[in-house]
């Protein structure tokens, strides 16, 4: 078993490449959309 050092974390061989936050967000949204959820525009939690 070979370990690879990846930005202060250790990962076994075959780890997926690092993702940008925008890619993670899109995968999250795509997952819930695939389950029948509606995607709505983001909005502030703090009232104006």
PDB file of N, CA and C in Angstrom:
ATOM      1  N   UNK A   1       0.858  -1.174   0.000  1.00  0.00           N
ATOM      2  CA  UNK A   1       0.000   0.000   0.000  1.00  0.00           C
ATOM      3  C   UNK A   1       0.897   1.228   0.000  1.00  0.00           C
ATOM      4  N   UNK A   2       0.658   2.110  -0.966  1.00  0.00           N
ATOM      5  CA  UNK A   2       1.454   3.329  -1.061  1.00  0.00           C
ATOM      6  C   UNK A   2       0.625   4.529  -0.641  1.00  0.00           C
ATOM      7  N   UNK A   3       1.211   5.385   0.154  1.00  0.00           N
ATOM      8  CA  UNK A   3       0.556   6.621   0.566  1.00  0.00           C
ATOM      9  C   UNK A   3       1.173   7.784  -0.193  1.00  0.00           C
ATOM     10  N   UNK A   4       0.362   8.730  -0.581  1.00  0.00           N
ATOM     11  CA  UNK A   4       0.829   9.922  -1.261  1.00  0.00           C
ATOM     12  C   UNK A   4       0.465  11.124  -0.416  1.00  0.00           C
ATOM     13  N   UNK A   5       1.392  12.042  -0.269  1.00  0.00           N
ATOM     14  CA  UNK A   5       1.104  13.267   0.483  1.00  0.00           C
ATOM     15  C   UNK A   5       0.401  14.253  -0.435  1.00  0.00           C
ATOM     16  N   UNK A   6      -0.766  14.728  -0.015  1.00  0.00           N
ATOM     17  CA  UNK A   6      -1.562  15.651  -0.811  1.00  0.00           C
ATOM     18  C   UNK A   6      -1.969  16.828   0.057  1.00  0.00           C
ATOM     19  N   UNK A   7      -1.283  17.954  -0.083  1.00  0.00           N
ATOM     20  CA  UNK A   7      -1.634  19.173   0.657  1.00  0.00           C
ATOM     21  C   UNK A   7      -1.965  18.908   2.127  1.00  0.00           C
ATOM     22  N   UNK A   8      -1.038  18.428   2.868  1.00  0.00           N
ATOM     23  CA  UNK A   8      -1.147  18.193   4.316  1.00  0.00           C
ATOM     24  C   UNK A   8      -2.101  17.064   4.694  1.00  0.00           C
ATOM     25  N   UNK A   9      -2.526  16.267   3.737  1.00  0.00           N
ATOM     26  CA  UNK A   9      -3.359  15.105   4.039  1.00  0.00           C
ATOM     27  C   UNK A   9      -2.788  13.917   3.279  1.00  0.00           C
ATOM     28  N   UNK A  10      -2.974  12.732   3.813  1.00  0.00           N
ATOM     29  CA  UNK A  10      -2.467  11.543   3.148  1.00  0.00           C
ATOM     30  C   UNK A  10      -3.599  10.851   2.415  1.00  0.00           C
ATOM     31  N   UNK A  11      -3.277  10.314   1.261  1.00  0.00           N
ATOM     32  CA  UNK A  11      -4.279   9.707   0.410  1.00  0.00           C
ATOM     33  C   UNK A  11      -3.715   8.416  -0.167  1.00  0.00           C
ATOM     34  N   UNK A  12      -4.539   7.376  -0.237  1.00  0.00           N
ATOM     35  CA  UNK A  12      -4.109   6.133  -0.855  1.00  0.00           C
ATOM     36  C   UNK A  12      -4.045   6.307  -2.364  1.00  0.00           C
ATOM     37  N   UNK A  13      -3.328   5.437  -3.027  1.00  0.00           N
ATOM     38  CA  UNK A  13      -3.220   5.497  -4.490  1.00  0.00           C
ATOM     39  C   UNK A  13      -4.602   5.516  -5.121  1.00  0.00           C
ATOM     40  N   UNK A  14      -4.753   6.273  -6.165  1.00  0.00           N
ATOM     41  CA  UNK A  14      -6.025   6.331  -6.874  1.00  0.00           C
ATOM     42  C   UNK A  14      -6.991   7.357  -6.328  1.00  0.00           C
ATOM     43  N   UNK A  15      -6.532   8.296  -5.550  1.00  0.00           N
ATOM     44  CA  UNK A  15      -7.416   9.330  -5.011  1.00  0.00           C
ATOM     45  C   UNK A  15      -7.904  10.234  -6.133  1.00  0.00           C
ATOM     46  N   UNK A  16      -9.128  10.726  -6.015  1.00  0.00           N
ATOM     47  CA  UNK A  16      -9.625  11.647  -7.037  1.00  0.00           C
ATOM     48  C   UNK A  16      -8.859  12.962  -6.968  1.00  0.00           C
ATOM     49  N   UNK A  17      -8.780  13.670  -8.073  1.00  0.00           N
ATOM     50  CA  UNK A  17      -8.101  14.969  -8.053  1.00  0.00           C
ATOM     51  C   UNK A  17      -8.865  15.969  -7.191  1.00  0.00           C
ATOM     52  N   UNK A  18      -8.159  16.959  -6.680  1.00  0.00           N
ATOM     53  CA  UNK A  18      -8.801  17.994  -5.866  1.00  0.00           C
ATOM     54  C   UNK A  18      -9.815  18.753  -6.708  1.00  0.00           C
ATOM     55  N   UNK A  19     -10.913  19.174  -6.078  1.00  0.00           N
ATOM     56  CA  UNK A  19     -11.951  19.916  -6.785  1.00  0.00           C
ATOM     57  C   UNK A  19     -12.014  21.344  -6.250  1.00  0.00           C
ATOM     58  N   UNK A  20     -12.421  22.246  -7.110  1.00  0.00           N
ATOM     59  CA  UNK A  20     -12.655  23.622  -6.697  1.00  0.00           C
ATOM     60  C   UNK A  20     -13.995  23.674  -5.971  1.00  0.00           C
ATOM     61  N   UNK A  21     -14.189  24.697  -5.146  1.00  0.00           N
ATOM     62  CA  UNK A  21     -15.445  24.813  -4.399  1.00  0.00           C
ATOM     63  C   UNK A  21     -16.651  24.921  -5.335  1.00  0.00           C
ATOM     64  N   UNK A  22     -16.476  25.567  -6.479  1.00  0.00           N
ATOM     65  CA  UNK A  22     -17.585  25.685  -7.427  1.00  0.00           C
ATOM     66  C   UNK A  22     -17.972  24.324  -8.001  1.00  0.00           C
ATOM     67  N   UNK A  23     -16.988  23.431  -8.181  1.00  0.00           N
ATOM     68  CA  UNK A  23     -17.267  22.079  -8.678  1.00  0.00           C
ATOM     69  C   UNK A  23     -18.009  21.258  -7.622  1.00  0.00           C
ATOM     70  N   UNK A  24     -17.604  21.406  -6.363  1.00  0.00           N
ATOM     71  CA  UNK A  24     -18.270  20.691  -5.270  1.00  0.00           C
ATOM     72  C   UNK A  24     -19.716  21.152  -5.166  1.00  0.00           C
ATOM     73  N   UNK A  25     -19.937  22.469  -5.241  1.00  0.00           N
ATOM     74  CA  UNK A  25     -21.293  23.023  -5.171  1.00  0.00           C
ATOM     75  C   UNK A  25     -22.154  22.487  -6.301  1.00  0.00           C
ATOM     76  N   UNK A  26     -21.607  22.447  -7.510  1.00  0.00           N
ATOM     77  CA  UNK A  26     -22.377  21.974  -8.653  1.00  0.00           C
ATOM     78  C   UNK A  26     -22.726  20.499  -8.515  1.00  0.00           C
ATOM     79  N   UNK A  27     -21.793  19.687  -8.025  1.00  0.00           N
ATOM     80  CA  UNK A  27     -22.071  18.258  -7.810  1.00  0.00           C
ATOM     81  C   UNK A  27     -23.171  18.084  -6.761  1.00  0.00           C
ATOM     82  N   UNK A  28     -23.129  18.896  -5.708  1.00  0.00           N
ATOM     83  CA  UNK A  28     -24.142  18.875  -4.658  1.00  0.00           C
ATOM     84  C   UNK A  28     -25.517  19.190  -5.248  1.00  0.00           C
ATOM     85  N   UNK A  29     -25.586  20.276  -6.039  1.00  0.00           N
ATOM     86  CA  UNK A  29     -26.855  20.666  -6.657  1.00  0.00           C
ATOM     87  C   UNK A  29     -27.346  19.605  -7.637  1.00  0.00           C
ATOM     88  N   UNK A  30     -26.442  19.055  -8.440  1.00  0.00           N
ATOM     89  CA  UNK A  30     -26.812  18.023  -9.405  1.00  0.00           C
ATOM     90  C   UNK A  30     -27.363  16.783  -8.710  1.00  0.00           C
ATOM     91  N   UNK A  31     -26.751  16.418  -7.579  1.00  0.00           N
ATOM     92  CA  UNK A  31     -27.214  15.249  -6.829  1.00  0.00           C
ATOM     93  C   UNK A  31     -28.660  15.440  -6.386  1.00  0.00           C
ATOM     94  N   UNK A  32     -28.965  16.574  -5.770  1.00  0.00           N
ATOM     95  CA  UNK A  32     -30.318  16.793  -5.274  1.00  0.00           C
ATOM     96  C   UNK A  32     -31.321  16.976  -6.408  1.00  0.00           C
ATOM     97  N   UNK A  33     -30.899  17.586  -7.506  1.00  0.00           N
ATOM     98  CA  UNK A  33     -31.776  17.715  -8.666  1.00  0.00           C
ATOM     99  C   UNK A  33     -32.112  16.331  -9.221  1.00  0.00           C
ATOM    100  N   UNK A  34     -31.150  15.414  -9.205  1.00  0.00           N
ATOM    101  CA  UNK A  34     -31.388  14.062  -9.712  1.00  0.00           C
ATOM    102  C   UNK A  34     -32.367  13.285  -8.831  1.00  0.00           C
ATOM    103  N   UNK A  35     -32.577  13.746  -7.616  1.00  0.00           N
ATOM    104  CA  UNK A  35     -33.522  13.111  -6.684  1.00  0.00           C
ATOM    105  C   UNK A  35     -34.893  13.784  -6.725  1.00  0.00           C
ATOM    106  N   UNK A  36     -35.071  14.711  -7.682  1.00  0.00           N
ATOM    107  CA  UNK A  36     -36.368  15.351  -7.859  1.00  0.00           C
ATOM    108  C   UNK A  36     -36.545  16.666  -7.118  1.00  0.00           C
ATOM    109  N   UNK A  37     -35.506  17.151  -6.467  1.00  0.00           N
ATOM    110  CA  UNK A  37     -35.600  18.432  -5.760  1.00  0.00           C
ATOM    111  C   UNK A  37     -35.466  19.581  -6.748  1.00  0.00           C
ATOM    112  N   UNK A  38     -36.111  20.689  -6.442  1.00  0.00           N
ATOM    113  CA  UNK A  38     -36.034  21.879  -7.287  1.00  0.00           C
ATOM    114  C   UNK A  38     -34.873  22.742  -6.828  1.00  0.00           C
ATOM    115  N   UNK A  39     -34.086  23.211  -7.780  1.00  0.00           N
ATOM    116  CA  UNK A  39     -32.975  24.111  -7.473  1.00  0.00           C
ATOM    117  C   UNK A  39     -33.491  25.542  -7.587  1.00  0.00           C
ATOM    118  N   UNK A  40     -33.305  26.320  -6.534  1.00  0.00           N
ATOM    119  CA  UNK A  40     -33.739  27.723  -6.536  1.00  0.00           C
ATOM    120  C   UNK A  40     -32.517  28.622  -6.363  1.00  0.00           C
ATOM    121  N   UNK A  41     -32.642  29.853  -6.780  1.00  0.00           N
ATOM    122  CA  UNK A  41     -31.531  30.804  -6.677  1.00  0.00           C
ATOM    123  C   UNK A  41     -31.153  31.041  -5.216  1.00  0.00           C
ATOM    124  N   UNK A  42     -29.881  31.284  -4.996  1.00  0.00           N
ATOM    125  CA  UNK A  42     -29.400  31.590  -3.651  1.00  0.00           C
ATOM    126  C   UNK A  42     -29.945  32.939  -3.201  1.00  0.00           C
ATOM    127  N   UNK A  43     -30.093  33.087  -1.889  1.00  0.00           N
ATOM    128  CA  UNK A  43     -30.510  34.378  -1.343  1.00  0.00           C
ATOM    129  C   UNK A  43     -29.903  34.553   0.038  1.00  0.00           C
ATOM    130  N   UNK A  44     -29.862  35.773   0.496  1.00  0.00           N
ATOM    131  CA  UNK A  44     -29.277  36.117   1.778  1.00  0.00           C
ATOM    132  C   UNK A  44     -30.156  35.602   2.923  1.00  0.00           C
ATOM    133  N   UNK A  45     -29.506  35.157   3.985  1.00  0.00           N
ATOM    134  CA  UNK A  45     -30.242  34.755   5.193  1.00  0.00           C
ATOM    135  C   UNK A  45     -30.493  35.944   6.099  1.00  0.00           C
ATOM    136  N   UNK A  46     -29.785  37.029   5.837  1.00  0.00           N
ATOM    137  CA  UNK A  46     -29.919  38.249   6.642  1.00  0.00           C
ATOM    138  C   UNK A  46     -30.876  39.191   5.918  1.00  0.00           C
ATOM    139  N   UNK A  47     -31.991  39.553   6.555  1.00  0.00           N
ATOM    140  CA  UNK A  47     -32.936  40.460   5.902  1.00  0.00           C
ATOM    141  C   UNK A  47     -32.323  41.835   5.690  1.00  0.00           C
ATOM    142  N   UNK A  48     -32.744  42.503   4.645  1.00  0.00           N
ATOM    143  CA  UNK A  48     -32.229  43.843   4.330  1.00  0.00           C
ATOM    144  C   UNK A  48     -33.071  44.915   4.965  1.00  0.00           C
TER     145      UNK A  48
END
